[in-house]
C-alpha atoms as a PDB file:
ATOM      1  CA  UNK A   1      -0.746   5.176  -2.709  1.00  0.00           C
ATOM      2  CA  UNK A   2       0.265   1.507  -1.212  1.00  0.00           C
ATOM      3  CA  UNK A   3       3.198   2.998   0.799  1.00  0.00           C
ATOM      4  CA  UNK A   4       1.260   6.047   1.991  1.00  0.00           C
ATOM      5  CA  UNK A   5      -1.474   3.957   3.339  1.00  0.00           C
ATOM      6  CA  UNK A   6       0.977   1.652   5.245  1.00  0.00           C
ATOM      7  CA  UNK A   7       2.604   4.901   6.608  1.00  0.00           C
ATOM      8  CA  UNK A   8      -0.669   5.835   7.894  1.00  0.00           C
ATOM      9  CA  UNK A   9      -1.452   2.591   9.202  1.00  0.00           C
ATOM     10  CA  UNK A  10       2.122   2.454  11.190  1.00  0.00           C
ATOM     11  CA  UNK A  11       1.300   5.917  12.301  1.00  0.00           C
ATOM     12  CA  UNK A  12      -2.047   4.989  13.806  1.00  0.00           C
ATOM     13  CA  UNK A  13      -1.207   1.740  15.495  1.00  0.00           C
ATOM     14  CA  UNK A  14       2.224   3.701  17.093  1.00  0.00           C
ATOM     15  CA  UNK A  15      -0.115   6.390  18.701  1.00  0.00           C
ATOM     16  CA  UNK A  16      -3.295   4.451  19.976  1.00  0.00           C
ATOM     17  CA  UNK A  17      -4.192   0.816  20.711  1.00  0.00           C
ATOM     18  CA  UNK A  18      -5.995  -1.032  17.587  1.00  0.00           C
ATOM     19  CA  UNK A  19      -7.584  -4.203  18.542  1.00  0.00           C
ATOM     20  CA  UNK A  20      -9.231  -4.782  14.950  1.00  0.00           C
ATOM     21  CA  UNK A  21      -9.313  -4.603  11.338  1.00  0.00           C
ATOM     22  CA  UNK A  22     -12.528  -2.562  11.455  1.00  0.00           C
ATOM     23  CA  UNK A  23     -11.245  -0.258  13.975  1.00  0.00           C
ATOM     24  CA  UNK A  24      -8.234   0.422  11.812  1.00  0.00           C
ATOM     25  CA  UNK A  25     -10.489   1.079   8.803  1.00  0.00           C
ATOM     26  CA  UNK A  26     -12.522   3.462  10.725  1.00  0.00           C
ATOM     27  CA  UNK A  27      -9.435   5.189  11.760  1.00  0.00           C
ATOM     28  CA  UNK A  28      -7.927   5.244   7.903  1.00  0.00           C
ATOM     29  CA  UNK A  29     -11.291   6.564   6.923  1.00  0.00           C
ATOM     30  CA  UNK A  30     -10.941   9.631   9.139  1.00  0.00           C
ATOM     31  CA  UNK A  31      -7.716  10.449   7.347  1.00  0.00           C
ATOM     32  CA  UNK A  32      -9.446  10.173   4.157  1.00  0.00           C
ATOM     33  CA  UNK A  33      -8.082   6.572   3.285  1.00  0.00           C
ATOM     34  CA  UNK A  34     -11.052   4.477   1.809  1.00  0.00           C
ATOM     35  CA  UNK A  35      -9.818   0.920   2.056  1.00  0.00           C
ATOM     36  CA  UNK A  36     -11.296  -2.491   2.227  1.00  0.00           C
ATOM     37  CA  UNK A  37     -10.575  -5.171   5.058  1.00  0.00           C
ATOM     38  CA  UNK A  38      -8.975  -7.160   2.486  1.00  0.00           C
ATOM     39  CA  UNK A  39      -6.587  -4.388   1.564  1.00  0.00           C
ATOM     40  CA  UNK A  40      -5.973  -3.498   5.200  1.00  0.00           C
ATOM     41  CA  UNK A  41      -5.370  -7.629   5.893  1.00  0.00           C
ATOM     42  CA  UNK A  42      -2.801  -7.471   3.184  1.00  0.00           C
ATOM     43  CA  UNK A  43      -1.334  -4.343   4.208  1.00  0.00           C
ATOM     44  CA  UNK A  44      -1.203  -5.591   7.945  1.00  0.00           C
ATOM     45  CA  UNK A  45       0.507  -9.012   6.624  1.00  0.00           C
ATOM     46  CA  UNK A  46       2.842  -6.849   4.494  1.00  0.00           C
ATOM     47  CA  UNK A  47       4.121  -4.866   7.323  1.00  0.00           C
ATOM     48  CA  UNK A  48       4.503  -7.721   9.564  1.00  0.00           C
ATOM     49  CA  UNK A  49       2.353  -6.388  12.276  1.00  0.00           C
ATOM     50  CA  UNK A  50       1.707  -8.553  15.347  1.00  0.00           C
ATOM     51  CA  UNK A  51      -1.197  -8.765  17.980  1.00  0.00           C
ATOM     52  CA  UNK A  52       0.203  -7.982  21.383  1.00  0.00           C
ATOM     53  CA  UNK A  53      -0.579 -10.560  24.100  1.00  0.00           C
ATOM     54  CA  UNK A  54      -1.951  -8.309  26.709  1.00  0.00           C
ATOM     55  CA  UNK A  55      -4.390  -6.407  24.770  1.00  0.00           C
ATOM     56  CA  UNK A  56      -4.394  -7.592  21.426  1.00  0.00           C
ATOM     57  CA  UNK A  57      -3.774  -4.346  20.000  1.00  0.00           C
ATOM     58  CA  UNK A  58      -1.402  -4.561  16.625  1.00  0.00           C
ATOM     59  CA  UNK A  59       2.116  -3.649  17.030  1.00  0.00           C
ATOM     60  CA  UNK A  60       5.291  -3.696  14.963  1.00  0.00           C
ATOM     61  CA  UNK A  61       7.332  -6.831  15.386  1.00  0.00           C
ATOM     62  CA  UNK A  62       9.772  -6.787  18.632  1.00  0.00           C
ATOM     63  CA  UNK A  63       7.490  -3.621  19.868  1.00  0.00           C
ATOM     64  CA  UNK A  64       5.823  -5.873  22.405  1.00  0.00           C
ATOM     65  CA  UNK A  65       7.396  -4.729  25.827  1.00  0.00           C
ATOM     66  CA  UNK A  66       7.672  -6.996  28.853  1.00  0.00           C
ATOM     67  CA  UNK A  67       5.726  -5.974  31.671  1.00  0.00           C
ATOM     68  CA  UNK A  68       7.590  -6.192  34.803  1.00  0.00           C
ATOM     69  CA  UNK A  69       4.570  -5.635  36.948  1.00  0.00           C
ATOM     70  CA  UNK A  70       2.551  -8.515  35.205  1.00  0.00           C
ATOM     71  CA  UNK A  71       5.546 -10.934  35.325  1.00  0.00           C
ATOM     72  CA  UNK A  72       5.602 -10.362  39.255  1.00  0.00           C
ATOM     73  CA  UNK A  73       1.847 -10.875  39.421  1.00  0.00           C
ATOM     74  CA  UNK A  74       2.194 -14.016  37.205  1.00  0.00           C
ATOM     75  CA  UNK A  75       4.894 -15.483  39.440  1.00  0.00           C
ATOM     76  CA  UNK A  76       3.259 -14.637  42.597  1.00  0.00           C
ATOM     77  CA  UNK A  77       0.066 -16.512  41.274  1.00  0.00           C
ATOM     78  CA  UNK A  78       2.224 -19.539  40.234  1.00  0.00           C
ATOM     79  CA  UNK A  79       3.750 -19.765  43.934  1.00  0.00           C
END
């Protein structure tokens, strides 16, 4: 059950931005998974998921892609 639930979590975050555990809990519920916030929190930690800097969505470690347009904008403001 745990590995299946964690697989579903990865599927959700791979296909759409999820910015909170509550939103993730609701999305899992639509898939027939009734998990508590504490369980989801443990799963996120076990999976090593992190929040993306730009929008705060959960992503797999290393999945954050640099945004070249954002980097240029940041450089322009710095200059």
